[in-house]
Amino acid sequence: MPKSRKNPVKSSQTVRNLKISRMSKSALVIIAQGSEEMETVITVDMLRRAGVSVTMAGLDGNSPVLCSRQVTLVPDKSLADALAEKPQYDAVILPGGLEGSDRLSKSDVVGTLLKEHEGSGKIIAAICAAPTAFVAHGVGKGKKITSYPTTKDKITSDYTYIEGERVVIDGNFVTSRGPGTAYWFGLSLIELLTDKEKAAQVEKGMIITGY
């Protein structure tokens, strides 16, 4: 990756331990009413640029979802249908937004999904307020994570909270701060799901740095 991009914090379990074969990877992005639209769209767009098969699934069905800034997004399908077609994905991604994150935190389906993917060593990622869903569902305990600054007090002592970094990677868990860090969140996920070369290619094409 270009040196101008601030590197994410990584635990001793490095990126290479998460790399899997270069066949097309899959990612499930779950949205709910009140999800943060920038974090959703930027992440989905960047992963698709990298050749990742992304399913944007609606928590409560396949109807249009009104996001936190009154932008409406249309899911590819409902979460129920997405899981019926494919029980596990290479990555599960939770966008932020206070209301959306609260809905994800209260969903038993999301809780079961996260626990199953944690058990399988799949990538579990959350940005902004969404890491609070990890706390609610009891996944990722002992991991280093970050979140939107005002949600720090909701992250319990079961986790090590990291400040001052755009992205934090610990094992198979990836977290980020908010809308402004969504590009680096996306690049980190691309690198984990594909490789550094693909991430650099997407970064260059989007002129994230080097302008």
C-alpha atoms as a PDB file:
ATOM      1  CA  MET A   1       0.000   0.000   0.000  1.00  0.00           C
ATOM      2  CA  PRO A   2       1.267   3.569  -0.576  1.00  0.00           C
ATOM      3  CA  LYS A   3       3.170   4.895   2.433  1.00  0.00           C
ATOM      4  CA  SER A   4       0.920   7.940   2.656  1.00  0.00           C
ATOM      5  CA  ARG A   5      -1.900   5.835   4.042  1.00  0.00           C
ATOM      6  CA  LYS A   6      -1.868   5.449   7.811  1.00  0.00           C
ATOM      7  CA  ASN A   7      -1.470   1.791   8.640  1.00  0.00           C
ATOM      8  CA  PRO A   8      -4.151   0.101  10.748  1.00  0.00           C
ATOM      9  CA  VAL A   9      -3.309  -1.385  14.117  1.00  0.00           C
ATOM     10  CA  LYS A  10      -2.762  -5.122  13.822  1.00  0.00           C
ATOM     11  CA  SER A  11      -2.394  -7.799  16.459  1.00  0.00           C
ATOM     12  CA  SER A  12       0.269 -10.492  16.379  1.00  0.00           C
ATOM     13  CA  GLN A  13      -2.125 -12.569  14.306  1.00  0.00           C
ATOM     14  CA  THR A  14      -1.234 -10.853  11.053  1.00  0.00           C
ATOM     15  CA  VAL A  15      -3.071 -10.235   7.850  1.00  0.00           C
ATOM     16  CA  ARG A  16      -1.457 -13.214   6.162  1.00  0.00           C
ATOM     17  CA  ASN A  17      -3.164 -15.554   8.624  1.00  0.00           C
ATOM     18  CA  LEU A  18      -6.516 -14.350   7.347  1.00  0.00           C
ATOM     19  CA  LYS A  19      -5.679 -14.729   3.682  1.00  0.00           C
ATOM     20  CA  ILE A  20      -7.492 -17.499   1.936  1.00  0.00           C
ATOM     21  CA  SER A  21      -7.386 -18.672  -1.674  1.00  0.00           C
ATOM     22  CA  ARG A  22      -7.807 -16.076  -4.406  1.00  0.00           C
ATOM     23  CA  MET A  23     -11.097 -17.427  -5.659  1.00  0.00           C
ATOM     24  CA  SER A  24     -13.944 -14.908  -5.543  1.00  0.00           C
ATOM     25  CA  LYS A  25     -14.659 -13.955  -1.957  1.00  0.00           C
ATOM     26  CA  SER A  26     -18.057 -13.174  -0.474  1.00  0.00           C
ATOM     27  CA  ALA A  27     -19.151 -10.470   1.943  1.00  0.00           C
ATOM     28  CA  LEU A  28     -22.463  -9.888   3.691  1.00  0.00           C
ATOM     29  CA  VAL A  29     -23.288  -6.278   4.592  1.00  0.00           C
ATOM     30  CA  ILE A  30     -26.320  -6.013   6.887  1.00  0.00           C
ATOM     31  CA  ILE A  31     -28.341  -2.798   6.889  1.00  0.00           C
ATOM     32  CA  ALA A  32     -31.241  -1.711   9.064  1.00  0.00           C
ATOM     33  CA  GLN A  33     -33.324   1.401   9.494  1.00  0.00           C
ATOM     34  CA  GLY A  34     -30.955   4.130  10.651  1.00  0.00           C
ATOM     35  CA  SER A  35     -27.767   2.567   9.276  1.00  0.00           C
ATOM     36  CA  GLU A  36     -25.109   5.073   8.198  1.00  0.00           C
ATOM     37  CA  GLU A  37     -25.353   5.401   4.417  1.00  0.00           C
ATOM     38  CA  MET A  38     -21.794   6.566   3.660  1.00  0.00           C
ATOM     39  CA  GLU A  39     -20.278   3.675   5.586  1.00  0.00           C
ATOM     40  CA  THR A  40     -22.582   1.257   3.804  1.00  0.00           C
ATOM     41  CA  VAL A  41     -22.174   2.504   0.244  1.00  0.00           C
ATOM     42  CA  ILE A  42     -18.435   3.197   0.400  1.00  0.00           C
ATOM     43  CA  THR A  43     -17.729  -0.262   1.792  1.00  0.00           C
ATOM     44  CA  VAL A  44     -19.988  -2.070  -0.679  1.00  0.00           C
ATOM     45  CA  ASP A  45     -18.664  -0.055  -3.629  1.00  0.00           C
ATOM     46  CA  MET A  46     -15.001  -0.586  -2.772  1.00  0.00           C
ATOM     47  CA  LEU A  47     -15.355  -4.311  -2.205  1.00  0.00           C
ATOM     48  CA  ARG A  48     -17.163  -4.712  -5.520  1.00  0.00           C
ATOM     49  CA  ARG A  49     -14.391  -2.753  -7.260  1.00  0.00           C
ATOM     50  CA  ALA A  50     -12.027  -5.373  -5.853  1.00  0.00           C
ATOM     51  CA  GLY A  51     -14.073  -8.240  -7.277  1.00  0.00           C
ATOM     52  CA  VAL A  52     -15.623  -9.341  -3.990  1.00  0.00           C
ATOM     53  CA  SER A  53     -19.163 -10.710  -4.265  1.00  0.00           C
ATOM     54  CA  VAL A  54     -21.118  -8.444  -1.915  1.00  0.00           C
ATOM     55  CA  THR A  55     -24.668  -9.031  -0.709  1.00  0.00           C
ATOM     56  CA  MET A  56     -26.330  -6.022   0.903  1.00  0.00           C
ATOM     57  CA  ALA A  57     -29.011  -7.594   3.068  1.00  0.00           C
ATOM     58  CA  GLY A  58     -31.908  -5.884   4.809  1.00  0.00           C
ATOM     59  CA  LEU A  59     -32.319  -6.869   8.442  1.00  0.00           C
ATOM     60  CA  ASP A  60     -36.097  -6.572   8.274  1.00  0.00           C
ATOM     61  CA  GLY A  61     -36.691  -7.662   4.684  1.00  0.00           C
ATOM     62  CA  ASN A  62     -35.931  -6.502   1.169  1.00  0.00           C
ATOM     63  CA  SER A  63     -37.893  -3.247   1.314  1.00  0.00           C
ATOM     64  CA  PRO A  64     -36.042   0.079   0.907  1.00  0.00           C
ATOM     65  CA  VAL A  65     -34.173   1.107   4.059  1.00  0.00           C
ATOM     66  CA  LEU A  66     -34.230   4.706   5.315  1.00  0.00           C
ATOM     67  CA  CYS A  67     -30.743   5.462   6.578  1.00  0.00           C
ATOM     68  CA  SER A  68     -29.481   7.889   9.206  1.00  0.00           C
ATOM     69  CA  ARG A  69     -29.255  10.928   6.917  1.00  0.00           C
ATOM     70  CA  GLN A  70     -32.551  10.266   5.157  1.00  0.00           C
ATOM     71  CA  VAL A  71     -30.956   8.478   2.191  1.00  0.00           C
ATOM     72  CA  THR A  72     -32.872   5.392   1.080  1.00  0.00           C
ATOM     73  CA  LEU A  73     -30.964   2.241   0.133  1.00  0.00           C
ATOM     74  CA  VAL A  74     -32.493  -0.811  -1.506  1.00  0.00           C
ATOM     75  CA  PRO A  75     -31.125  -4.138  -0.205  1.00  0.00           C
ATOM     76  CA  ASP A  76     -30.145  -6.846  -2.676  1.00  0.00           C
ATOM     77  CA  LYS A  77     -32.307  -9.202  -0.632  1.00  0.00           C
ATOM     78  CA  SER A  78     -33.519  -9.815   2.894  1.00  0.00           C
ATOM     79  CA  LEU A  79     -31.109 -11.131   5.503  1.00  0.00           C
ATOM     80  CA  ALA A  80     -33.278 -14.249   5.806  1.00  0.00           C
ATOM     81  CA  ASP A  81     -32.979 -14.943   2.073  1.00  0.00           C
ATOM     82  CA  ALA A  82     -29.257 -14.177   2.052  1.00  0.00           C
ATOM     83  CA  LEU A  83     -28.636 -16.727   4.809  1.00  0.00           C
ATOM     84  CA  ALA A  84     -30.948 -19.293   3.217  1.00  0.00           C
ATOM     85  CA  GLU A  85     -28.908 -19.081   0.017  1.00  0.00           C
ATOM     86  CA  LYS A  86     -25.504 -18.982   1.734  1.00  0.00           C
ATOM     87  CA  PRO A  87     -25.234 -19.763   5.467  1.00  0.00           C
ATOM     88  CA  GLN A  88     -21.686 -18.418   5.763  1.00  0.00           C
ATOM     89  CA  TYR A  89     -19.729 -15.654   4.048  1.00  0.00           C
ATOM     90  CA  ASP A  90     -16.024 -14.847   4.024  1.00  0.00           C
ATOM     91  CA  ALA A  91     -16.844 -11.577   5.789  1.00  0.00           C
ATOM     92  CA  VAL A  92     -19.795 -10.162   7.714  1.00  0.00           C
ATOM     93  CA  ILE A  93     -19.842  -6.374   7.824  1.00  0.00           C
ATOM     94  CA  LEU A  94     -21.936  -4.089  10.039  1.00  0.00           C
ATOM     95  CA  PRO A  95     -22.262  -0.414   9.054  1.00  0.00           C
ATOM     96  CA  GLY A  96     -22.739   2.124  11.833  1.00  0.00           C
ATOM     97  CA  GLY A  97     -25.386   4.706  12.549  1.00  0.00           C
ATOM     98  CA  LEU A  98     -26.794   4.896  16.076  1.00  0.00           C
ATOM     99  CA  GLU A  99     -30.263   3.593  15.293  1.00  0.00           C
ATOM    100  CA  GLY A 100     -29.054   1.003  12.811  1.00  0.00           C
ATOM    101  CA  SER A 101     -26.423  -0.288  15.222  1.00  0.00           C
ATOM    102  CA  ASP A 102     -29.011  -0.510  17.987  1.00  0.00           C
ATOM    103  CA  ARG A 103     -31.245  -2.602  15.746  1.00  0.00           C
ATOM    104  CA  LEU A 104     -28.348  -4.905  14.865  1.00  0.00           C
ATOM    105  CA  SER A 105     -27.505  -5.191  18.573  1.00  0.00           C
ATOM    106  CA  LYS A 106     -31.051  -6.282  19.415  1.00  0.00           C
ATOM    107  CA  SER A 107     -31.344  -8.865  16.620  1.00  0.00           C
ATOM    108  CA  ASP A 108     -31.072 -12.502  17.693  1.00  0.00           C
ATOM    109  CA  VAL A 109     -30.459 -13.452  14.062  1.00  0.00           C
ATOM    110  CA  VAL A 110     -27.462 -11.137  13.869  1.00  0.00           C
ATOM    111  CA  GLY A 111     -26.168 -12.462  17.188  1.00  0.00           C
ATOM    112  CA  THR A 112     -26.324 -16.071  16.019  1.00  0.00           C
ATOM    113  CA  LEU A 113     -24.757 -15.136  12.691  1.00  0.00           C
ATOM    114  CA  LEU A 114     -21.833 -13.338  14.341  1.00  0.00           C
ATOM    115  CA  LYS A 115     -21.173 -16.196  16.753  1.00  0.00           C
ATOM    116  CA  GLU A 116     -21.210 -18.772  13.960  1.00  0.00           C
ATOM    117  CA  HIS A 117     -18.838 -16.738  11.816  1.00  0.00           C
ATOM    118  CA  GLU A 118     -16.553 -16.096  14.788  1.00  0.00           C
ATOM    119  CA  GLY A 119     -16.417 -19.827  15.417  1.00  0.00           C
ATOM    120  CA  SER A 120     -15.470 -20.431  11.787  1.00  0.00           C
ATOM    121  CA  GLY A 121     -12.726 -17.815  11.840  1.00  0.00           C
ATOM    122  CA  LYS A 122     -14.421 -15.640   9.237  1.00  0.00           C
ATOM    123  CA  ILE A 123     -13.824 -11.896   9.032  1.00  0.00           C
ATOM    124  CA  ILE A 124     -16.207  -9.889  11.215  1.00  0.00           C
ATOM    125  CA  ALA A 125     -16.124  -6.142  10.649  1.00  0.00           C
ATOM    126  CA  ALA A 126     -17.938  -3.142  12.100  1.00  0.00           C
ATOM    127  CA  ILE A 127     -17.580   0.603  11.787  1.00  0.00           C
ATOM    128  CA  CYS A 128     -18.710   3.668  13.747  1.00  0.00           C
ATOM    129  CA  ALA A 129     -21.334   2.670  16.349  1.00  0.00           C
ATOM    130  CA  ALA A 130     -21.663  -0.899  15.081  1.00  0.00           C
ATOM    131  CA  PRO A 131     -18.912  -2.406  17.296  1.00  0.00           C
ATOM    132  CA  THR A 132     -21.454  -2.028  20.116  1.00  0.00           C
ATOM    133  CA  ALA A 133     -23.175  -5.028  18.525  1.00  0.00           C
ATOM    134  CA  PHE A 134     -20.101  -7.090  19.423  1.00  0.00           C
ATOM    135  CA  VAL A 135     -20.692  -6.201  23.069  1.00  0.00           C
ATOM    136  CA  ALA A 136     -24.418  -6.920  22.855  1.00  0.00           C
ATOM    137  CA  HIS A 137     -23.886 -10.346  21.306  1.00  0.00           C
ATOM    138  CA  GLY A 138     -20.752 -11.297  23.230  1.00  0.00           C
ATOM    139  CA  VAL A 139     -18.414 -11.796  20.278  1.00  0.00           C
ATOM    140  CA  GLY A 140     -14.780 -10.775  19.932  1.00  0.00           C
ATOM    141  CA  LYS A 141     -14.080 -10.689  23.650  1.00  0.00           C
ATOM    142  CA  GLY A 142     -10.447  -9.906  24.369  1.00  0.00           C
ATOM    143  CA  LYS A 143      -9.973  -8.209  20.998  1.00  0.00           C
ATOM    144  CA  LYS A 144      -8.609  -4.751  20.288  1.00  0.00           C
ATOM    145  CA  ILE A 145     -11.369  -2.644  18.744  1.00  0.00           C
ATOM    146  CA  THR A 146     -12.274   0.945  17.991  1.00  0.00           C
ATOM    147  CA  SER A 147     -15.535   2.772  17.281  1.00  0.00           C
ATOM    148  CA  TYR A 148     -17.106   6.199  16.874  1.00  0.00           C
ATOM    149  CA  PRO A 149     -15.698   8.294  19.757  1.00  0.00           C
ATOM    150  CA  THR A 150     -19.038   8.930  21.484  1.00  0.00           C
ATOM    151  CA  THR A 151     -19.746   5.194  21.749  1.00  0.00           C
ATOM    152  CA  LYS A 152     -16.510   4.449  23.589  1.00  0.00           C
ATOM    153  CA  ASP A 153     -18.313   4.227  26.926  1.00  0.00           C
ATOM    154  CA  LYS A 154     -20.474   1.420  25.540  1.00  0.00           C
ATOM    155  CA  ILE A 155     -17.443  -0.784  24.895  1.00  0.00           C
ATOM    156  CA  THR A 156     -16.932  -2.892  28.002  1.00  0.00           C
ATOM    157  CA  SER A 157     -13.718  -4.020  29.662  1.00  0.00           C
ATOM    158  CA  ASP A 158     -14.035  -7.310  27.765  1.00  0.00           C
ATOM    159  CA  TYR A 159     -12.322  -5.434  24.923  1.00  0.00           C
ATOM    160  CA  THR A 160      -9.204  -3.297  24.556  1.00  0.00           C
ATOM    161  CA  TYR A 161     -10.273   0.073  23.177  1.00  0.00           C
ATOM    162  CA  ILE A 162      -7.926   1.738  20.692  1.00  0.00           C
ATOM    163  CA  GLU A 163      -8.041   5.465  19.942  1.00  0.00           C
ATOM    164  CA  GLY A 164      -6.282   7.506  17.279  1.00  0.00           C
ATOM    165  CA  GLU A 165      -6.323   4.857  14.552  1.00  0.00           C
ATOM    166  CA  ARG A 166      -8.528   4.764  11.470  1.00  0.00           C
ATOM    167  CA  VAL A 167      -8.759   0.985  11.418  1.00  0.00           C
ATOM    168  CA  VAL A 168      -7.971  -1.667  14.027  1.00  0.00           C
ATOM    169  CA  ILE A 169      -7.428  -5.291  13.024  1.00  0.00           C
ATOM    170  CA  ASP A 170      -7.168  -7.996  15.668  1.00  0.00           C
ATOM    171  CA  GLY A 171      -7.337 -11.538  14.383  1.00  0.00           C
ATOM    172  CA  ASN A 172     -10.462 -11.851  12.266  1.00  0.00           C
ATOM    173  CA  PHE A 173     -12.079  -8.717  13.753  1.00  0.00           C
ATOM    174  CA  VAL A 174     -11.886  -5.393  11.904  1.00  0.00           C
ATOM    175  CA  THR A 175     -13.234  -2.122  13.321  1.00  0.00           C
ATOM    176  CA  SER A 176     -13.141   1.518  12.258  1.00  0.00           C
ATOM    177  CA  ARG A 177     -14.166   4.961  13.520  1.00  0.00           C
ATOM    178  CA  GLY A 178     -16.800   6.515  11.270  1.00  0.00           C
ATOM    179  CA  PRO A 179     -17.830   7.905   7.870  1.00  0.00           C
ATOM    180  CA  GLY A 180     -14.494   9.636   7.268  1.00  0.00           C
ATOM    181  CA  THR A 181     -12.526   6.432   7.851  1.00  0.00           C
ATOM    182  CA  ALA A 182     -14.763   4.274   5.657  1.00  0.00           C
ATOM    183  CA  TYR A 183     -12.287   4.376   2.762  1.00  0.00           C
ATOM    184  CA  TRP A 184      -9.507   2.899   4.897  1.00  0.00           C
ATOM    185  CA  PHE A 185     -11.966   0.409   6.358  1.00  0.00           C
ATOM    186  CA  GLY A 186     -12.769  -0.683   2.811  1.00  0.00           C
ATOM    187  CA  LEU A 187      -9.105  -0.905   1.818  1.00  0.00           C
ATOM    188  CA  SER A 188      -8.302  -3.016   4.875  1.00  0.00           C
ATOM    189  CA  LEU A 189     -11.124  -5.418   4.039  1.00  0.00           C
ATOM    190  CA  ILE A 190      -9.967  -5.642   0.421  1.00  0.00           C
ATOM    191  CA  GLU A 191      -6.453  -6.496   1.571  1.00  0.00           C
ATOM    192  CA  LEU A 192      -7.751  -9.208   3.901  1.00  0.00           C
ATOM    193  CA  LEU A 193     -10.127 -10.725   1.355  1.00  0.00           C
ATOM    194  CA  THR A 194      -7.800 -10.452  -1.653  1.00  0.00           C
ATOM    195  CA  ASP A 195      -4.284  -9.027  -1.363  1.00  0.00           C
ATOM    196  CA  LYS A 196      -2.243  -5.844  -1.008  1.00  0.00           C
ATOM    197  CA  GLU A 197      -1.925  -5.457  -4.762  1.00  0.00           C
ATOM    198  CA  LYS A 198      -5.681  -5.354  -5.278  1.00  0.00           C
ATOM    199  CA  ALA A 199      -6.091  -2.899  -2.398  1.00  0.00           C
ATOM    200  CA  ALA A 200      -3.420  -0.647  -3.918  1.00  0.00           C
ATOM    201  CA  GLN A 201      -5.135  -0.865  -7.304  1.00  0.00           C
ATOM    202  CA  VAL A 202      -8.479   0.205  -5.851  1.00  0.00           C
ATOM    203  CA  GLU A 203      -6.847   2.965  -3.806  1.00  0.00           C
ATOM    204  CA  LYS A 204      -5.088   4.354  -6.885  1.00  0.00           C
ATOM    205  CA  GLY A 205      -8.232   4.201  -9.013  1.00  0.00           C
ATOM    206  CA  MET A 206     -10.253   6.071  -6.400  1.00  0.00           C
ATOM    207  CA  ILE A 207      -7.479   8.651  -5.798  1.00  0.00           C
ATOM    208  CA  ILE A 208      -7.755   8.166  -2.038  1.00  0.00           C
ATOM    209  CA  THR A 209      -4.115   9.235  -1.677  1.00  0.00           C
ATOM    210  CA  GLY A 210      -1.545  10.566  -4.105  1.00  0.00           C
ATOM    211  CA  TYR A 211      -3.679  13.365  -5.520  1.00  0.00           C
END
